[in-house]
Amino acid sequence: MRKGGKRVIHFYNSSGDLDNTIKFLENIQKKVNYLNLNCVVDGKSIKITLFGPRDLQYLAIERLRELANQFLS
C-alpha cells in the first residue's frame, strides 16, 4: 500500500524577475501530474506543497529542481 503525505519544498527566485516565476509555474503545470500542488509566491520566495503518494512526490521534486535551475537561477 502506498503511503500518502504532504511535502513542502522552497525555492528562491534570485533574479527577482516575475516573468521567470510565471514560466516556472506554467512548466510545473505541464510537467507534474497525479499530485495535488499548492504554490505560494511571496516576493522572491516560492513555497510548493505536494500532496499525494510518496513515490510520486520524489519524482516530482526532481522535476521541480530541474525547472528551478532552468528558470530561477
Protein backbone atom coordinates (compact mmCIF):
# COMPACT_ATOMS: atom_id res chain seq x y z
CA MET A 1 0.00 0.00 0.00
CA ARG A 2 1.30 3.46 -0.91
CA LYS A 3 1.72 5.98 1.81
CA GLY A 4 0.49 9.46 1.12
CA GLY A 5 1.51 12.62 2.77
CA LYS A 6 2.49 16.21 2.49
CA ARG A 7 5.88 17.56 1.47
CA VAL A 8 6.88 21.23 1.41
CA ILE A 9 9.71 22.48 -0.78
CA HIS A 10 11.00 26.06 -1.01
CA PHE A 11 12.61 27.84 -3.95
CA TYR A 12 14.11 31.30 -4.26
CA ASN A 13 13.98 33.45 -7.40
CA SER A 14 17.40 35.07 -7.17
CA SER A 15 16.84 37.21 -10.29
CA GLY A 16 13.59 38.64 -8.93
CA ASP A 17 12.08 38.61 -12.43
CA LEU A 18 8.34 37.97 -12.33
CA ASP A 19 8.34 36.54 -15.87
CA ASN A 20 10.71 33.77 -14.77
CA THR A 21 8.43 32.91 -11.87
CA ILE A 22 5.42 32.72 -14.18
CA LYS A 23 7.28 30.48 -16.65
CA PHE A 24 8.38 28.26 -13.76
CA LEU A 25 4.80 27.85 -12.51
CA GLU A 26 3.43 27.23 -16.03
CA ASN A 27 6.00 24.50 -16.61
CA ILE A 28 5.14 22.90 -13.28
CA GLN A 29 1.56 22.61 -14.53
CA LYS A 30 2.75 20.83 -17.66
CA LYS A 31 5.36 18.53 -16.09
CA VAL A 32 3.91 17.40 -12.75
CA ASN A 33 0.91 15.09 -12.93
CA TYR A 34 -1.00 12.87 -10.50
CA LEU A 35 -0.25 15.07 -7.47
CA ASN A 36 -2.06 17.92 -5.84
CA LEU A 37 0.07 21.05 -5.63
CA ASN A 38 -0.30 24.27 -3.73
CA CYS A 39 2.03 27.12 -4.73
CA VAL A 40 2.51 30.33 -2.76
CA VAL A 41 4.63 33.15 -4.17
CA ASP A 42 5.75 35.82 -1.72
CA GLY A 43 8.21 38.23 -3.31
CA LYS A 44 11.22 36.18 -4.41
CA SER A 45 10.25 33.17 -2.28
CA ILE A 46 8.22 30.30 -3.76
CA LYS A 47 6.69 27.66 -1.48
CA ILE A 48 5.31 24.50 -3.08
CA THR A 49 3.33 21.93 -1.08
CA LEU A 50 2.92 18.46 -2.63
CA PHE A 51 0.10 16.12 -1.63
CA GLY A 52 -0.06 12.50 -2.76
CA PRO A 53 1.87 9.23 -2.82
CA ARG A 54 5.46 9.50 -1.62
CA ASP A 55 7.00 7.79 -4.65
CA LEU A 56 5.37 10.33 -6.96
CA GLN A 57 6.47 13.15 -4.66
CA TYR A 58 10.12 12.12 -5.04
CA LEU A 59 9.82 12.09 -8.82
CA ALA A 60 8.08 15.47 -8.81
CA ILE A 61 10.76 17.01 -6.58
CA GLU A 62 13.45 16.04 -9.08
CA ARG A 63 11.47 17.69 -11.89
CA LEU A 64 10.85 20.78 -9.76
CA ARG A 65 14.56 21.15 -9.03
CA GLU A 66 15.39 20.87 -12.74
CA LEU A 67 12.80 23.52 -13.59
CA ALA A 68 14.05 25.78 -10.79
CA ASN A 69 17.60 25.54 -12.13
CA GLN A 70 16.31 26.42 -15.58
CA PHE A 71 14.07 29.38 -14.70
CA LEU A 72 15.02 30.74 -11.26
CA SER A 73 18.83 30.98 -11.41
